[in-house]
């Protein structure tokens, strides 16, 4: 089993930066890939960025060039650094871990971008 806890969300203004964190515990050795998803109000959940066990990353077109996904294995933590935030980035952001057999989700953290 894998447990995920997101943090770092909040209310910011357009153009600001934010770093989200995902603390991982449990059977960490079984995780083959991780990612950040988000769900804007009234819309479906969508993939923001992912990173696999080899370090390869992938980004949604909407955040490409403004976001960086990374992990610190020593701290058992994954990060999403976002800059030049836009109102359309407003959503609940979720951490995801893929073991190959099943997916695990965090509780989510709210990001609100408004002026």
C-alpha atoms as a PDB file:
ATOM      1  CA  UNK A   1       0.000   0.000   0.000  1.00  0.00           C
ATOM      2  CA  UNK A   2       1.066   3.565  -0.725  1.00  0.00           C
ATOM      3  CA  UNK A   3      -0.045   6.690   1.132  1.00  0.00           C
ATOM      4  CA  UNK A   4       0.145  10.168  -0.423  1.00  0.00           C
ATOM      5  CA  UNK A   5      -0.300  13.565   1.246  1.00  0.00           C
ATOM      6  CA  UNK A   6      -0.303  16.802  -0.771  1.00  0.00           C
ATOM      7  CA  UNK A   7       0.589  20.234   0.590  1.00  0.00           C
ATOM      8  CA  UNK A   8       1.577  23.691  -0.622  1.00  0.00           C
ATOM      9  CA  UNK A   9      -1.657  24.881  -2.176  1.00  0.00           C
ATOM     10  CA  UNK A  10      -3.182  28.274  -1.533  1.00  0.00           C
ATOM     11  CA  UNK A  11      -4.524  31.488  -3.028  1.00  0.00           C
ATOM     12  CA  UNK A  12      -2.180  33.467  -5.275  1.00  0.00           C
ATOM     13  CA  UNK A  13      -2.347  36.181  -7.925  1.00  0.00           C
ATOM     14  CA  UNK A  14      -1.761  35.726 -11.662  1.00  0.00           C
ATOM     15  CA  UNK A  15       1.943  35.606 -12.448  1.00  0.00           C
ATOM     16  CA  UNK A  16       2.896  34.216  -9.045  1.00  0.00           C
ATOM     17  CA  UNK A  17       4.740  30.951  -8.403  1.00  0.00           C
ATOM     18  CA  UNK A  18       3.867  28.000  -6.205  1.00  0.00           C
ATOM     19  CA  UNK A  19       5.455  24.694  -5.222  1.00  0.00           C
ATOM     20  CA  UNK A  20       3.285  21.718  -4.397  1.00  0.00           C
ATOM     21  CA  UNK A  21       4.634  18.784  -2.396  1.00  0.00           C
ATOM     22  CA  UNK A  22       3.553  15.160  -2.147  1.00  0.00           C
ATOM     23  CA  UNK A  23       4.847  13.101   0.770  1.00  0.00           C
ATOM     24  CA  UNK A  24       4.987   9.372   0.014  1.00  0.00           C
ATOM     25  CA  UNK A  25       4.947   6.522   2.520  1.00  0.00           C
ATOM     26  CA  UNK A  26       4.242   2.792   2.585  1.00  0.00           C
ATOM     27  CA  UNK A  27       5.451   0.388  -0.103  1.00  0.00           C
ATOM     28  CA  UNK A  28       7.471   3.000  -1.953  1.00  0.00           C
ATOM     29  CA  UNK A  29       9.618   0.386  -3.672  1.00  0.00           C
ATOM     30  CA  UNK A  30       6.596  -0.765  -5.683  1.00  0.00           C
ATOM     31  CA  UNK A  31       6.014   2.634  -7.349  1.00  0.00           C
ATOM     32  CA  UNK A  32       6.990   2.735 -11.027  1.00  0.00           C
ATOM     33  CA  UNK A  33       5.601   6.174 -11.883  1.00  0.00           C
ATOM     34  CA  UNK A  34       4.062   9.216 -10.215  1.00  0.00           C
ATOM     35  CA  UNK A  35       2.145  12.225 -11.421  1.00  0.00           C
ATOM     36  CA  UNK A  36       0.182  15.348 -10.639  1.00  0.00           C
ATOM     37  CA  UNK A  37      -3.437  15.667 -11.726  1.00  0.00           C
ATOM     38  CA  UNK A  38      -5.840  18.556 -11.303  1.00  0.00           C
ATOM     39  CA  UNK A  39      -9.596  19.022 -11.369  1.00  0.00           C
ATOM     40  CA  UNK A  40     -10.923  22.527 -12.102  1.00  0.00           C
ATOM     41  CA  UNK A  41     -14.390  23.337 -10.748  1.00  0.00           C
ATOM     42  CA  UNK A  42     -17.060  21.732 -12.902  1.00  0.00           C
ATOM     43  CA  UNK A  43     -14.539  19.868 -15.059  1.00  0.00           C
ATOM     44  CA  UNK A  44     -12.986  16.408 -15.225  1.00  0.00           C
ATOM     45  CA  UNK A  45      -9.678  15.460 -13.658  1.00  0.00           C
ATOM     46  CA  UNK A  46      -6.722  15.865 -16.018  1.00  0.00           C
ATOM     47  CA  UNK A  47      -3.043  14.949 -16.019  1.00  0.00           C
ATOM     48  CA  UNK A  48      -0.673  17.864 -15.381  1.00  0.00           C
ATOM     49  CA  UNK A  49       2.722  16.139 -15.282  1.00  0.00           C
ATOM     50  CA  UNK A  50       4.243  12.714 -14.690  1.00  0.00           C
ATOM     51  CA  UNK A  51       7.617  11.185 -13.894  1.00  0.00           C
ATOM     52  CA  UNK A  52       8.640   7.534 -14.123  1.00  0.00           C
ATOM     53  CA  UNK A  53      11.204   5.469 -12.235  1.00  0.00           C
ATOM     54  CA  UNK A  54      13.862   6.340 -14.794  1.00  0.00           C
ATOM     55  CA  UNK A  55      13.315  10.073 -14.355  1.00  0.00           C
ATOM     56  CA  UNK A  56      11.555  10.703 -17.663  1.00  0.00           C
ATOM     57  CA  UNK A  57       8.951  13.468 -17.449  1.00  0.00           C
ATOM     58  CA  UNK A  58       5.848  14.433 -19.378  1.00  0.00           C
ATOM     59  CA  UNK A  59       3.761  17.623 -19.237  1.00  0.00           C
ATOM     60  CA  UNK A  60       0.365  18.740 -20.392  1.00  0.00           C
ATOM     61  CA  UNK A  61       0.529  21.384 -23.111  1.00  0.00           C
ATOM     62  CA  UNK A  62      -1.263  23.854 -20.853  1.00  0.00           C
ATOM     63  CA  UNK A  63       1.602  23.885 -18.322  1.00  0.00           C
ATOM     64  CA  UNK A  64       4.586  23.077 -20.524  1.00  0.00           C
ATOM     65  CA  UNK A  65       7.331  25.655 -20.031  1.00  0.00           C
ATOM     66  CA  UNK A  66       5.838  26.880 -16.746  1.00  0.00           C
ATOM     67  CA  UNK A  67       6.048  23.742 -14.626  1.00  0.00           C
ATOM     68  CA  UNK A  68       8.648  21.296 -13.371  1.00  0.00           C
ATOM     69  CA  UNK A  69       7.931  17.919 -11.803  1.00  0.00           C
ATOM     70  CA  UNK A  70      10.675  16.412  -9.659  1.00  0.00           C
ATOM     71  CA  UNK A  71      11.279  13.996  -6.805  1.00  0.00           C
ATOM     72  CA  UNK A  72      13.636  13.734  -3.864  1.00  0.00           C
ATOM     73  CA  UNK A  73      14.047  10.051  -3.027  1.00  0.00           C
ATOM     74  CA  UNK A  74      15.923  10.816   0.195  1.00  0.00           C
ATOM     75  CA  UNK A  75      12.905  12.762   1.469  1.00  0.00           C
ATOM     76  CA  UNK A  76      10.297  10.479  -0.148  1.00  0.00           C
ATOM     77  CA  UNK A  77       8.716  13.561  -1.680  1.00  0.00           C
ATOM     78  CA  UNK A  78       7.544  14.594  -5.139  1.00  0.00           C
ATOM     79  CA  UNK A  79       7.181  18.236  -6.182  1.00  0.00           C
ATOM     80  CA  UNK A  80       5.398  20.337  -8.761  1.00  0.00           C
ATOM     81  CA  UNK A  81       6.940  23.788  -9.228  1.00  0.00           C
ATOM     82  CA  UNK A  82       4.634  26.143 -11.114  1.00  0.00           C
ATOM     83  CA  UNK A  83       5.335  29.688 -12.275  1.00  0.00           C
ATOM     84  CA  UNK A  84       3.472  32.338 -14.264  1.00  0.00           C
ATOM     85  CA  UNK A  85       0.247  31.054 -12.777  1.00  0.00           C
ATOM     86  CA  UNK A  86      -2.984  31.812 -14.609  1.00  0.00           C
ATOM     87  CA  UNK A  87      -6.622  31.858 -13.460  1.00  0.00           C
ATOM     88  CA  UNK A  88      -7.192  28.702 -15.522  1.00  0.00           C
ATOM     89  CA  UNK A  89      -4.705  26.901 -13.265  1.00  0.00           C
ATOM     90  CA  UNK A  90      -7.288  27.104 -10.474  1.00  0.00           C
ATOM     91  CA  UNK A  91      -8.121  23.540  -9.428  1.00  0.00           C
ATOM     92  CA  UNK A  92      -7.736  20.874  -6.794  1.00  0.00           C
ATOM     93  CA  UNK A  93      -4.365  19.243  -7.407  1.00  0.00           C
ATOM     94  CA  UNK A  94      -3.923  15.533  -6.680  1.00  0.00           C
ATOM     95  CA  UNK A  95      -0.828  13.390  -6.263  1.00  0.00           C
ATOM     96  CA  UNK A  96      -0.895   9.970  -7.938  1.00  0.00           C
ATOM     97  CA  UNK A  97       1.312   6.889  -7.603  1.00  0.00           C
ATOM     98  CA  UNK A  98       1.249   3.974 -10.041  1.00  0.00           C
ATOM     99  CA  UNK A  99       2.510   0.551  -8.952  1.00  0.00           C
ATOM    100  CA  UNK A 100       1.611  -1.168 -12.212  1.00  0.00           C
ATOM    101  CA  UNK A 101      -1.181  -3.063 -10.472  1.00  0.00           C
ATOM    102  CA  UNK A 102      -3.161  -0.119  -9.105  1.00  0.00           C
ATOM    103  CA  UNK A 103      -3.194   3.644  -8.634  1.00  0.00           C
ATOM    104  CA  UNK A 104      -3.113   5.513  -5.326  1.00  0.00           C
ATOM    105  CA  UNK A 105      -4.339   9.070  -4.744  1.00  0.00           C
ATOM    106  CA  UNK A 106      -3.788  11.799  -2.192  1.00  0.00           C
ATOM    107  CA  UNK A 107      -6.551  13.909  -0.673  1.00  0.00           C
ATOM    108  CA  UNK A 108      -5.856  16.914  -2.890  1.00  0.00           C
ATOM    109  CA  UNK A 109      -4.740  20.489  -2.286  1.00  0.00           C
ATOM    110  CA  UNK A 110      -6.578  23.589  -3.534  1.00  0.00           C
ATOM    111  CA  UNK A 111      -4.835  26.110  -5.792  1.00  0.00           C
ATOM    112  CA  UNK A 112      -6.713  29.344  -6.502  1.00  0.00           C
ATOM    113  CA  UNK A 113      -5.320  31.938  -8.920  1.00  0.00           C
ATOM    114  CA  UNK A 114      -7.247  35.209  -8.995  1.00  0.00           C
ATOM    115  CA  UNK A 115      -6.737  38.960  -8.923  1.00  0.00           C
END
